[in-house]
Amino acid sequence: MLKVLKVLQLAVLFLGLAFFFALAGLAYYSSSPAIDPSEHTTTTQTADNTPQEKEHSFRGLINFLFPDAISIFTFWLVVATILLGIIAYVQIDFLRRAEIISAQSAKAAKDSSDTAKNALVAANRPWVKAEIQVGGPLLYNVNGANFIIRYVLKNIGHSPATNIFVNPRVIAPAIGVDSLFDLRGELMKTIVAQKAQAGNPFGFALFPDEIAVQNVTVSIPQDELKRITQKVEFIMPTILGTISYRMGFDTDVHQTGFLFEVRRSDKPRAVSAEKNRAPSGIFPDEGDIPADEIRLVGSILDGGYAD
């Protein structure tokens, strides 16, 4: 761009010199030549179209167009102004392009800075990992079906995690009743709801490599249990939820999601054999299930959510 501007400046210089010499030439040719008195009579009596008359005709046209030096100067001033306007337009276009390039460079620099910042935070932030275990038997009572879950939480990051809070739920499809059962959608609903509670003051802190163990009981209410078993005798419960926590690098709520299917062991039972049932099924009419017969299987719908 600078090279182009230099070329334009040189062009203006040469045009200015050309205008100067053209102005001088026109001023010279438009001036009236000296007349010799001895030749006055002969000149006026000659009817031929001589070169001198042609010269006078050309000068007459010039004098008609430019009657004085002021008009000549004004004409070339207008021409020079137009050329300067064209050059100014070209310079403005170059400045506009330079502004666009500068804005793009600033955006690229900001994006690069944000990327570096995010990489630094990701490398030094806390990451809370959750291991879900069976914490006790499955018990039936007036509250419904009650599942005791043990959470083994570990901070595998490089800075403390604060406001750690476990948010579990247990759900099961009502087979033959519900037309749609979206486990992944339910998990995302839980995540969105927990993120909305950005100012949650509850929870505890967990330092790097520190482990915390917590037992939580989740239940399927009695009325929901009856609805689920309207068409079938068994239930297919799933434990879902999030581990919410915060960190010192920002004010966002970070979460680790989980989905675990609850199953029974394949250990043969007299009641299941008598009723020709699969031993891995969970049938509420068979009563409580001991902890050693409960299995938690990670759902493929989990997706390994962590942010």
C-alpha atoms as a PDB file:
ATOM      1  CA  MET A   1       0.000   0.000   0.000  1.00  0.00           C
ATOM      2  CA  LEU A   2       2.841   2.408   0.802  1.00  0.00           C
ATOM      3  CA  LYS A   3       4.438   1.697  -2.599  1.00  0.00           C
ATOM      4  CA  VAL A   4       1.167   2.577  -4.349  1.00  0.00           C
ATOM      5  CA  LEU A   5       0.906   5.827  -2.402  1.00  0.00           C
ATOM      6  CA  LYS A   6       4.476   6.756  -3.396  1.00  0.00           C
ATOM      7  CA  VAL A   7       3.650   6.098  -7.049  1.00  0.00           C
ATOM      8  CA  LEU A   8       0.566   8.309  -6.736  1.00  0.00           C
ATOM      9  CA  GLN A   9       2.629  11.093  -5.184  1.00  0.00           C
ATOM     10  CA  LEU A  10       5.166  10.942  -8.039  1.00  0.00           C
ATOM     11  CA  ALA A  11       2.316  10.985 -10.560  1.00  0.00           C
ATOM     12  CA  VAL A  12       0.902  14.114  -8.945  1.00  0.00           C
ATOM     13  CA  LEU A  13       4.347  15.751  -9.094  1.00  0.00           C
ATOM     14  CA  PHE A  14       4.798  15.007 -12.791  1.00  0.00           C
ATOM     15  CA  LEU A  15       1.232  16.116 -13.548  1.00  0.00           C
ATOM     16  CA  GLY A  16       1.883  19.351 -11.709  1.00  0.00           C
ATOM     17  CA  LEU A  17       4.995  19.986 -13.800  1.00  0.00           C
ATOM     18  CA  ALA A  18       3.078  19.170 -16.978  1.00  0.00           C
ATOM     19  CA  PHE A  19       0.313  21.569 -15.965  1.00  0.00           C
ATOM     20  CA  PHE A  20       2.880  24.266 -15.323  1.00  0.00           C
ATOM     21  CA  PHE A  21       4.510  23.929 -18.751  1.00  0.00           C
ATOM     22  CA  ALA A  22       1.124  23.629 -20.469  1.00  0.00           C
ATOM     23  CA  LEU A  23      -0.047  26.771 -18.697  1.00  0.00           C
ATOM     24  CA  ALA A  24       3.077  28.633 -19.797  1.00  0.00           C
ATOM     25  CA  GLY A  25       2.672  27.454 -23.401  1.00  0.00           C
ATOM     26  CA  LEU A  26      -0.972  28.473 -23.571  1.00  0.00           C
ATOM     27  CA  ALA A  27      -0.194  31.843 -22.076  1.00  0.00           C
ATOM     28  CA  TYR A  28       2.526  32.303 -24.702  1.00  0.00           C
ATOM     29  CA  TYR A  29       0.400  31.292 -27.686  1.00  0.00           C
ATOM     30  CA  SER A  30      -2.618  33.250 -26.538  1.00  0.00           C
ATOM     31  CA  SER A  31      -0.671  36.529 -26.425  1.00  0.00           C
ATOM     32  CA  SER A  32      -1.047  38.845 -29.515  1.00  0.00           C
ATOM     33  CA  PRO A  33       2.093  39.049 -31.779  1.00  0.00           C
ATOM     34  CA  ALA A  34       3.678  42.442 -32.597  1.00  0.00           C
ATOM     35  CA  ILE A  35       2.398  43.979 -35.891  1.00  0.00           C
ATOM     36  CA  ASP A  36       4.799  45.810 -38.316  1.00  0.00           C
ATOM     37  CA  PRO A  37       3.081  49.054 -39.551  1.00  0.00           C
ATOM     38  CA  SER A  38       4.722  48.717 -42.998  1.00  0.00           C
ATOM     39  CA  GLU A  39       2.971  45.382 -43.484  1.00  0.00           C
ATOM     40  CA  HIS A  40      -0.444  46.479 -42.242  1.00  0.00           C
ATOM     41  CA  THR A  41      -1.863  47.483 -45.624  1.00  0.00           C
ATOM     42  CA  THR A  42      -0.576  44.398 -47.403  1.00  0.00           C
ATOM     43  CA  THR A  43      -1.899  42.078 -44.732  1.00  0.00           C
ATOM     44  CA  THR A  44      -5.381  43.542 -44.715  1.00  0.00           C
ATOM     45  CA  GLN A  45      -5.636  43.448 -48.491  1.00  0.00           C
ATOM     46  CA  THR A  46      -4.666  39.811 -48.867  1.00  0.00           C
ATOM     47  CA  ALA A  47      -7.670  37.497 -49.272  1.00  0.00           C
ATOM     48  CA  ASP A  48      -5.739  34.209 -49.243  1.00  0.00           C
ATOM     49  CA  ASN A  49      -5.952  31.866 -46.259  1.00  0.00           C
ATOM     50  CA  THR A  50      -2.266  32.206 -45.292  1.00  0.00           C
ATOM     51  CA  PRO A  51      -0.521  30.338 -42.437  1.00  0.00           C
ATOM     52  CA  GLN A  52      -0.487  33.603 -40.491  1.00  0.00           C
ATOM     53  CA  GLU A  53      -4.286  33.804 -40.739  1.00  0.00           C
ATOM     54  CA  LYS A  54      -4.520  30.197 -39.627  1.00  0.00           C
ATOM     55  CA  GLU A  55      -2.317  31.071 -36.675  1.00  0.00           C
ATOM     56  CA  HIS A  56      -4.582  33.975 -35.868  1.00  0.00           C
ATOM     57  CA  SER A  57      -7.621  31.662 -36.154  1.00  0.00           C
ATOM     58  CA  PHE A  58      -6.103  29.193 -33.634  1.00  0.00           C
ATOM     59  CA  ARG A  59      -5.249  32.059 -31.319  1.00  0.00           C
ATOM     60  CA  GLY A  60      -8.778  33.349 -31.717  1.00  0.00           C
ATOM     61  CA  LEU A  61     -10.202  29.999 -30.575  1.00  0.00           C
ATOM     62  CA  ILE A  62      -7.847  29.924 -27.624  1.00  0.00           C
ATOM     63  CA  ASN A  63      -8.712  33.515 -26.771  1.00  0.00           C
ATOM     64  CA  PHE A  64     -12.408  32.659 -27.025  1.00  0.00           C
ATOM     65  CA  LEU A  65     -12.009  29.709 -24.636  1.00  0.00           C
ATOM     66  CA  PHE A  66      -9.479  31.426 -22.397  1.00  0.00           C
ATOM     67  CA  PRO A  67      -9.841  35.190 -22.750  1.00  0.00           C
ATOM     68  CA  ASP A  68      -7.268  35.875 -20.030  1.00  0.00           C
ATOM     69  CA  ALA A  69      -4.632  34.216 -17.820  1.00  0.00           C
ATOM     70  CA  ILE A  70      -7.111  33.961 -14.910  1.00  0.00           C
ATOM     71  CA  SER A  71      -9.425  31.664 -16.879  1.00  0.00           C
ATOM     72  CA  ILE A  72      -6.499  29.457 -17.918  1.00  0.00           C
ATOM     73  CA  PHE A  73      -5.328  29.202 -14.327  1.00  0.00           C
ATOM     74  CA  THR A  74      -8.878  28.411 -13.181  1.00  0.00           C
ATOM     75  CA  PHE A  75      -9.235  25.638 -15.783  1.00  0.00           C
ATOM     76  CA  TRP A  76      -6.069  23.845 -14.723  1.00  0.00           C
ATOM     77  CA  LEU A  77      -6.941  24.411 -11.072  1.00  0.00           C
ATOM     78  CA  VAL A  78     -10.222  22.569 -11.643  1.00  0.00           C
ATOM     79  CA  VAL A  79      -8.384  19.745 -13.399  1.00  0.00           C
ATOM     80  CA  ALA A  80      -5.866  19.484 -10.566  1.00  0.00           C
ATOM     81  CA  THR A  81      -8.680  19.529  -7.977  1.00  0.00           C
ATOM     82  CA  ILE A  82     -10.448  16.631  -9.734  1.00  0.00           C
ATOM     83  CA  LEU A  83      -7.216  14.637  -9.833  1.00  0.00           C
ATOM     84  CA  LEU A  84      -6.570  15.350  -6.168  1.00  0.00           C
ATOM     85  CA  GLY A  85     -10.128  14.235  -5.376  1.00  0.00           C
ATOM     86  CA  ILE A  86      -9.524  10.933  -7.202  1.00  0.00           C
ATOM     87  CA  ILE A  87      -6.260  10.432  -5.320  1.00  0.00           C
ATOM     88  CA  ALA A  88      -8.003  11.261  -2.013  1.00  0.00           C
ATOM     89  CA  TYR A  89     -10.703   8.665  -2.794  1.00  0.00           C
ATOM     90  CA  VAL A  90      -8.007   6.054  -3.478  1.00  0.00           C
ATOM     91  CA  GLN A  91      -6.269   6.950  -0.219  1.00  0.00           C
ATOM     92  CA  ILE A  92      -9.543   6.711   1.709  1.00  0.00           C
ATOM     93  CA  ASP A  93     -10.147   3.265   0.200  1.00  0.00           C
ATOM     94  CA  PHE A  94      -6.670   2.181   1.291  1.00  0.00           C
ATOM     95  CA  LEU A  95      -7.328   3.549   4.788  1.00  0.00           C
ATOM     96  CA  ARG A  96     -10.637   1.664   4.927  1.00  0.00           C
ATOM     97  CA  ARG A  97      -8.883  -1.546   3.944  1.00  0.00           C
ATOM     98  CA  ALA A  98      -6.194  -0.875   6.524  1.00  0.00           C
ATOM     99  CA  GLU A  99      -8.903  -0.395   9.173  1.00  0.00           C
ATOM    100  CA  ILE A 100     -10.522  -3.723   8.226  1.00  0.00           C
ATOM    101  CA  ILE A 101      -7.175  -5.505   8.344  1.00  0.00           C
ATOM    102  CA  SER A 102      -6.426  -3.887  11.700  1.00  0.00           C
ATOM    103  CA  ALA A 103      -9.797  -5.015  13.096  1.00  0.00           C
ATOM    104  CA  GLN A 104      -9.207  -8.558  11.827  1.00  0.00           C
ATOM    105  CA  SER A 105      -5.739  -8.579  13.385  1.00  0.00           C
ATOM    106  CA  ALA A 106      -7.144  -7.340  16.704  1.00  0.00           C
ATOM    107  CA  LYS A 107      -9.840 -10.046  16.662  1.00  0.00           C
ATOM    108  CA  ALA A 108      -7.249 -12.718  15.843  1.00  0.00           C
ATOM    109  CA  ALA A 109      -5.071 -11.484  18.713  1.00  0.00           C
ATOM    110  CA  LYS A 110      -8.053 -11.558  21.103  1.00  0.00           C
ATOM    111  CA  ASP A 111      -9.032 -15.072  19.975  1.00  0.00           C
ATOM    112  CA  SER A 112      -5.455 -16.218  20.470  1.00  0.00           C
ATOM    113  CA  SER A 113      -5.395 -14.642  23.933  1.00  0.00           C
ATOM    114  CA  ASP A 114      -8.705 -16.285  24.872  1.00  0.00           C
ATOM    115  CA  THR A 115      -7.453 -19.652  23.634  1.00  0.00           C
ATOM    116  CA  ALA A 116      -4.283 -19.319  25.701  1.00  0.00           C
ATOM    117  CA  LYS A 117      -6.320 -18.281  28.741  1.00  0.00           C
ATOM    118  CA  ASN A 118      -8.717 -21.216  28.362  1.00  0.00           C
ATOM    119  CA  ALA A 119      -5.803 -23.618  27.954  1.00  0.00           C
ATOM    120  CA  LEU A 120      -4.175 -22.234  31.115  1.00  0.00           C
ATOM    121  CA  VAL A 121      -7.420 -22.564  33.073  1.00  0.00           C
ATOM    122  CA  ALA A 122      -8.056 -26.096  31.770  1.00  0.00           C
ATOM    123  CA  ALA A 123      -4.550 -27.170  32.766  1.00  0.00           C
ATOM    124  CA  ASN A 124      -4.805 -25.766  36.306  1.00  0.00           C
ATOM    125  CA  ARG A 125      -8.492 -26.015  37.207  1.00  0.00           C
ATOM    126  CA  PRO A 126     -10.109 -28.664  39.448  1.00  0.00           C
ATOM    127  CA  TRP A 127     -11.814 -31.702  37.933  1.00  0.00           C
ATOM    128  CA  VAL A 128     -14.121 -33.675  40.196  1.00  0.00           C
ATOM    129  CA  LYS A 129     -14.486 -37.323  39.245  1.00  0.00           C
ATOM    130  CA  ALA A 130     -17.370 -39.386  40.647  1.00  0.00           C
ATOM    131  CA  GLU A 131     -17.307 -43.126  41.251  1.00  0.00           C
ATOM    132  CA  ILE A 132     -20.808 -44.429  41.993  1.00  0.00           C
ATOM    133  CA  GLN A 133     -21.102 -47.504  44.211  1.00  0.00           C
ATOM    134  CA  VAL A 134     -23.839 -49.439  45.980  1.00  0.00           C
ATOM    135  CA  GLY A 135     -24.191 -48.021  49.460  1.00  0.00           C
ATOM    136  CA  GLY A 136     -26.828 -50.359  50.890  1.00  0.00           C
ATOM    137  CA  PRO A 137     -29.841 -52.553  50.119  1.00  0.00           C
ATOM    138  CA  LEU A 138     -32.886 -51.619  48.071  1.00  0.00           C
ATOM    139  CA  LEU A 139     -35.679 -51.125  50.597  1.00  0.00           C
ATOM    140  CA  TYR A 140     -39.419 -50.871  50.046  1.00  0.00           C
ATOM    141  CA  ASN A 141     -41.565 -48.914  52.519  1.00  0.00           C
ATOM    142  CA  VAL A 142     -44.294 -46.300  52.595  1.00  0.00           C
ATOM    143  CA  ASN A 143     -41.957 -43.914  50.765  1.00  0.00           C
ATOM    144  CA  GLY A 144     -41.641 -46.277  47.807  1.00  0.00           C
ATOM    145  CA  ALA A 145     -38.453 -47.917  46.500  1.00  0.00           C
ATOM    146  CA  ASN A 146     -35.358 -46.543  48.245  1.00  0.00           C
ATOM    147  CA  PHE A 147     -31.851 -46.835  46.772  1.00  0.00           C
ATOM    148  CA  ILE A 148     -28.757 -46.129  48.906  1.00  0.00           C
ATOM    149  CA  ILE A 149     -25.931 -44.870  46.665  1.00  0.00           C
ATOM    150  CA  ARG A 150     -22.343 -44.216  47.705  1.00  0.00           C
ATOM    151  CA  TYR A 151     -20.439 -41.477  45.895  1.00  0.00           C
ATOM    152  CA  VAL A 152     -16.654 -41.584  45.949  1.00  0.00           C
ATOM    153  CA  LEU A 153     -15.539 -38.133  44.810  1.00  0.00           C
ATOM    154  CA  LYS A 154     -11.960 -37.299  43.874  1.00  0.00           C
ATOM    155  CA  ASN A 155     -10.433 -34.033  42.691  1.00  0.00           C
ATOM    156  CA  ILE A 156      -8.093 -35.061  39.875  1.00  0.00           C
ATOM    157  CA  GLY A 157      -7.297 -31.442  38.949  1.00  0.00           C
ATOM    158  CA  HIS A 158      -4.626 -29.017  40.159  1.00  0.00           C
ATOM    159  CA  SER A 159      -6.614 -26.555  42.282  1.00  0.00           C
ATOM    160  CA  PRO A 160      -9.326 -26.755  44.963  1.00  0.00           C
ATOM    161  CA  ALA A 161     -12.961 -27.348  44.048  1.00  0.00           C
ATOM    162  CA  THR A 162     -15.537 -25.574  46.222  1.00  0.00           C
ATOM    163  CA  ASN A 163     -19.292 -25.800  46.808  1.00  0.00           C
ATOM    164  CA  ILE A 164     -19.339 -29.474  45.832  1.00  0.00           C
ATOM    165  CA  PHE A 165     -22.884 -30.773  45.865  1.00  0.00           C
ATOM    166  CA  VAL A 166     -24.350 -34.122  44.754  1.00  0.00           C
ATOM    167  CA  ASN A 167     -27.637 -33.935  42.841  1.00  0.00           C
ATOM    168  CA  PRO A 168     -29.012 -37.481  42.298  1.00  0.00           C
ATOM    169  CA  ARG A 169     -32.331 -38.744  40.986  1.00  0.00           C
ATOM    170  CA  VAL A 170     -33.776 -42.166  40.291  1.00  0.00           C
ATOM    171  CA  ILE A 171     -36.242 -42.650  37.449  1.00  0.00           C
ATOM    172  CA  ALA A 172     -37.768 -45.631  35.669  1.00  0.00           C
ATOM    173  CA  PRO A 173     -39.914 -45.953  32.551  1.00  0.00           C
ATOM    174  CA  ALA A 174     -43.578 -46.908  32.788  1.00  0.00           C
ATOM    175  CA  ILE A 175     -43.471 -49.544  30.067  1.00  0.00           C
ATOM    176  CA  GLY A 176     -46.720 -49.623  28.115  1.00  0.00           C
ATOM    177  CA  VAL A 177     -47.765 -46.289  29.631  1.00  0.00           C
ATOM    178  CA  ASP A 178     -45.099 -43.763  28.647  1.00  0.00           C
ATOM    179  CA  SER A 179     -44.631 -43.255  24.912  1.00  0.00           C
ATOM    180  CA  LEU A 180     -41.177 -41.690  25.296  1.00  0.00           C
ATOM    181  CA  PHE A 181     -38.445 -42.165  27.877  1.00  0.00           C
ATOM    182  CA  ASP A 182     -35.376 -40.008  27.204  1.00  0.00           C
ATOM    183  CA  LEU A 183     -32.617 -40.660  29.746  1.00  0.00           C
ATOM    184  CA  ARG A 184     -30.134 -38.301  28.090  1.00  0.00           C
ATOM    185  CA  GLY A 185     -32.772 -35.573  27.931  1.00  0.00           C
ATOM    186  CA  GLU A 186     -33.531 -36.008  31.632  1.00  0.00           C
ATOM    187  CA  LEU A 187     -29.834 -35.728  32.458  1.00  0.00           C
ATOM    188  CA  MET A 188     -29.524 -32.506  30.468  1.00  0.00           C
ATOM    189  CA  LYS A 189     -32.566 -31.079  32.246  1.00  0.00           C
ATOM    190  CA  THR A 190     -30.871 -31.753  35.574  1.00  0.00           C
ATOM    191  CA  ILE A 191     -27.657 -30.091  34.354  1.00  0.00           C
ATOM    192  CA  VAL A 192     -29.508 -26.977  33.150  1.00  0.00           C
ATOM    193  CA  ALA A 193     -31.429 -26.714  36.422  1.00  0.00           C
ATOM    194  CA  GLN A 194     -28.242 -26.944  38.489  1.00  0.00           C
ATOM    195  CA  LYS A 195     -26.426 -24.382  36.342  1.00  0.00           C
ATOM    196  CA  ALA A 196     -29.238 -21.926  37.017  1.00  0.00           C
ATOM    197  CA  GLN A 197     -28.347 -22.078  40.732  1.00  0.00           C
ATOM    198  CA  ALA A 198     -25.067 -20.222  40.256  1.00  0.00           C
ATOM    199  CA  GLY A 199     -25.251 -18.659  43.719  1.00  0.00           C
ATOM    200  CA  ASN A 200     -25.704 -21.944  45.615  1.00  0.00           C
ATOM    201  CA  PRO A 201     -23.748 -21.459  48.887  1.00  0.00           C
ATOM    202  CA  PHE A 202     -23.935 -25.104  49.974  1.00  0.00           C
ATOM    203  CA  GLY A 203     -21.463 -27.956  49.566  1.00  0.00           C
ATOM    204  CA  PHE A 204     -17.909 -28.633  50.642  1.00  0.00           C
ATOM    205  CA  ALA A 205     -14.363 -28.157  49.361  1.00  0.00           C
ATOM    206  CA  LEU A 206     -12.120 -30.804  47.846  1.00  0.00           C
ATOM    207  CA  PHE A 207      -8.399 -30.232  47.326  1.00  0.00           C
ATOM    208  CA  PRO A 208      -6.272 -31.847  44.598  1.00  0.00           C
ATOM    209  CA  ASP A 209      -5.967 -35.655  44.998  1.00  0.00           C
ATOM    210  CA  GLU A 210      -8.328 -35.511  47.977  1.00  0.00           C
ATOM    211  CA  ILE A 211     -11.172 -38.076  48.188  1.00  0.00           C
ATOM    212  CA  ALA A 212     -14.586 -37.648  49.788  1.00  0.00           C
ATOM    213  CA  VAL A 213     -17.139 -40.426  50.358  1.00  0.00           C
ATOM    214  CA  GLN A 214     -20.811 -39.641  50.693  1.00  0.00           C
ATOM    215  CA  ASN A 215     -23.918 -41.847  50.969  1.00  0.00           C
ATOM    216  CA  VAL A 216     -27.132 -40.543  49.443  1.00  0.00           C
ATOM    217  CA  THR A 217     -30.583 -42.142  49.387  1.00  0.00           C
ATOM    218  CA  VAL A 218     -32.821 -41.631  46.368  1.00  0.00           C
ATOM    219  CA  SER A 219     -36.371 -42.943  46.057  1.00  0.00           C
ATOM    220  CA  ILE A 220     -39.143 -43.725  43.631  1.00  0.00           C
ATOM    221  CA  PRO A 221     -42.323 -42.531  45.424  1.00  0.00           C
ATOM    222  CA  GLN A 222     -45.086 -45.030  46.142  1.00  0.00           C
ATOM    223  CA  ASP A 223     -47.564 -43.487  43.707  1.00  0.00           C
ATOM    224  CA  GLU A 224     -44.952 -43.353  40.928  1.00  0.00           C
ATOM    225  CA  LEU A 225     -44.026 -46.976  41.653  1.00  0.00           C
ATOM    226  CA  LYS A 226     -47.667 -47.983  41.139  1.00  0.00           C
ATOM    227  CA  ARG A 227     -47.820 -46.055  37.863  1.00  0.00           C
ATOM    228  CA  ILE A 228     -44.635 -47.698  36.581  1.00  0.00           C
ATOM    229  CA  THR A 229     -45.928 -51.215  37.305  1.00  0.00           C
ATOM    230  CA  GLN A 230     -49.365 -50.787  35.711  1.00  0.00           C
ATOM    231  CA  LYS A 231     -48.512 -52.879  32.642  1.00  0.00           C
ATOM    232  CA  VAL A 232     -45.480 -54.862  33.879  1.00  0.00           C
ATOM    233  CA  GLU A 233     -44.368 -56.440  37.151  1.00  0.00           C
ATOM    234  CA  PHE A 234     -40.758 -55.264  37.055  1.00  0.00           C
ATOM    235  CA  ILE A 235     -38.989 -51.908  37.161  1.00  0.00           C
ATOM    236  CA  MET A 236     -35.882 -50.705  35.304  1.00  0.00           C
ATOM    237  CA  PRO A 237     -34.491 -47.919  37.518  1.00  0.00           C
ATOM    238  CA  THR A 238     -31.681 -45.570  36.487  1.00  0.00           C
ATOM    239  CA  ILE A 239     -29.656 -43.351  38.821  1.00  0.00           C
ATOM    240  CA  LEU A 240     -28.862 -40.019  37.174  1.00  0.00           C
ATOM    241  CA  GLY A 241     -27.578 -36.671  38.327  1.00  0.00           C
ATOM    242  CA  THR A 242     -24.573 -34.395  38.572  1.00  0.00           C
ATOM    243  CA  ILE A 243     -21.716 -33.459  40.842  1.00  0.00           C
ATOM    244  CA  SER A 244     -21.773 -29.639  40.916  1.00  0.00           C
ATOM    245  CA  TYR A 245     -18.781 -27.578  42.025  1.00  0.00           C
ATOM    246  CA  ARG A 246     -17.076 -24.238  41.531  1.00  0.00           C
ATOM    247  CA  MET A 247     -13.493 -23.013  41.287  1.00  0.00           C
ATOM    248  CA  GLY A 248     -11.485 -19.859  41.841  1.00  0.00           C
ATOM    249  CA  PHE A 249     -10.787 -19.120  38.165  1.00  0.00           C
ATOM    250  CA  ASP A 250     -14.347 -18.084  37.285  1.00  0.00           C
ATOM    251  CA  THR A 251     -17.870 -17.800  38.703  1.00  0.00           C
ATOM    252  CA  ASP A 252     -19.464 -20.596  36.634  1.00  0.00           C
ATOM    253  CA  VAL A 253     -20.930 -23.800  38.013  1.00  0.00           C
ATOM    254  CA  HIS A 254     -19.074 -26.863  36.703  1.00  0.00           C
ATOM    255  CA  GLN A 255     -20.568 -30.318  36.661  1.00  0.00           C
ATOM    256  CA  THR A 256     -19.806 -33.984  36.182  1.00  0.00           C
ATOM    257  CA  GLY A 257     -22.819 -35.927  34.920  1.00  0.00           C
ATOM    258  CA  PHE A 258     -23.586 -39.609  35.458  1.00  0.00           C
ATOM    259  CA  LEU A 259     -26.115 -42.261  34.395  1.00  0.00           C
ATOM    260  CA  PHE A 260     -26.157 -45.723  36.023  1.00  0.00           C
ATOM    261  CA  GLU A 261     -28.631 -48.504  35.416  1.00  0.00           C
ATOM    262  CA  VAL A 262     -29.650 -50.499  38.508  1.00  0.00           C
ATOM    263  CA  ARG A 263     -29.800 -54.261  38.051  1.00  0.00           C
ATOM    264  CA  ARG A 264     -29.957 -57.361  40.194  1.00  0.00           C
ATOM    265  CA  SER A 265     -27.337 -60.093  40.131  1.00  0.00           C
ATOM    266  CA  ASP A 266     -27.972 -63.308  38.195  1.00  0.00           C
ATOM    267  CA  LYS A 267     -27.944 -65.320  41.400  1.00  0.00           C
ATOM    268  CA  PRO A 268     -30.826 -67.880  41.165  1.00  0.00           C
ATOM    269  CA  ARG A 269     -33.733 -67.313  43.530  1.00  0.00           C
ATOM    270  CA  ALA A 270     -36.517 -69.703  44.333  1.00  0.00           C
ATOM    271  CA  VAL A 271     -39.232 -67.096  43.834  1.00  0.00           C
ATOM    272  CA  SER A 272     -37.912 -66.021  40.417  1.00  0.00           C
ATOM    273  CA  ALA A 273     -37.520 -69.650  39.321  1.00  0.00           C
ATOM    274  CA  GLU A 274     -41.026 -70.485  40.521  1.00  0.00           C
ATOM    275  CA  LYS A 275     -42.542 -67.569  38.536  1.00  0.00           C
ATOM    276  CA  ASN A 276     -40.249 -68.146  35.543  1.00  0.00           C
ATOM    277  CA  ARG A 277     -38.644 -64.697  35.895  1.00  0.00           C
ATOM    278  CA  ALA A 278     -35.208 -63.495  34.843  1.00  0.00           C
ATOM    279  CA  PRO A 279     -33.002 -63.399  37.970  1.00  0.00           C
ATOM    280  CA  SER A 280     -31.510 -60.022  36.924  1.00  0.00           C
ATOM    281  CA  GLY A 281     -34.930 -58.318  36.954  1.00  0.00           C
ATOM    282  CA  ILE A 282     -36.111 -56.114  39.805  1.00  0.00           C
ATOM    283  CA  PHE A 283     -39.650 -57.107  40.876  1.00  0.00           C
ATOM    284  CA  PRO A 284     -41.173 -55.020  43.703  1.00  0.00           C
ATOM    285  CA  ASP A 285     -43.410 -57.899  44.843  1.00  0.00           C
ATOM    286  CA  GLU A 286     -40.263 -59.903  45.713  1.00  0.00           C
ATOM    287  CA  GLY A 287     -39.409 -57.442  48.476  1.00  0.00           C
ATOM    288  CA  ASP A 288     -36.115 -55.892  49.542  1.00  0.00           C
ATOM    289  CA  ILE A 289     -32.856 -56.662  47.734  1.00  0.00           C
ATOM    290  CA  PRO A 290     -29.582 -57.113  49.691  1.00  0.00           C
ATOM    291  CA  ALA A 291     -26.723 -54.791  48.817  1.00  0.00           C
ATOM    292  CA  ASP A 292     -24.541 -57.647  47.564  1.00  0.00           C
ATOM    293  CA  GLU A 293     -27.162 -58.511  44.913  1.00  0.00           C
ATOM    294  CA  ILE A 294     -27.417 -54.990  43.465  1.00  0.00           C
ATOM    295  CA  ARG A 295     -25.333 -54.008  40.435  1.00  0.00           C
ATOM    296  CA  LEU A 296     -24.742 -50.568  38.963  1.00  0.00           C
ATOM    297  CA  VAL A 297     -23.963 -50.510  35.246  1.00  0.00           C
ATOM    298  CA  GLY A 298     -22.830 -47.330  33.504  1.00  0.00           C
ATOM    299  CA  SER A 299     -25.298 -46.274  30.803  1.00  0.00           C
ATOM    300  CA  ILE A 300     -24.029 -45.765  27.252  1.00  0.00           C
ATOM    301  CA  LEU A 301     -26.292 -42.698  27.126  1.00  0.00           C
ATOM    302  CA  ASP A 302     -24.137 -40.935  29.729  1.00  0.00           C
ATOM    303  CA  GLY A 303     -21.792 -39.469  27.131  1.00  0.00           C
ATOM    304  CA  GLY A 304     -19.166 -38.724  29.794  1.00  0.00           C
ATOM    305  CA  TYR A 305     -20.468 -35.222  30.514  1.00  0.00           C
ATOM    306  CA  ALA A 306     -17.978 -32.970  32.308  1.00  0.00           C
ATOM    307  CA  ASP A 307     -17.429 -29.228  32.020  1.00  0.00           C
END
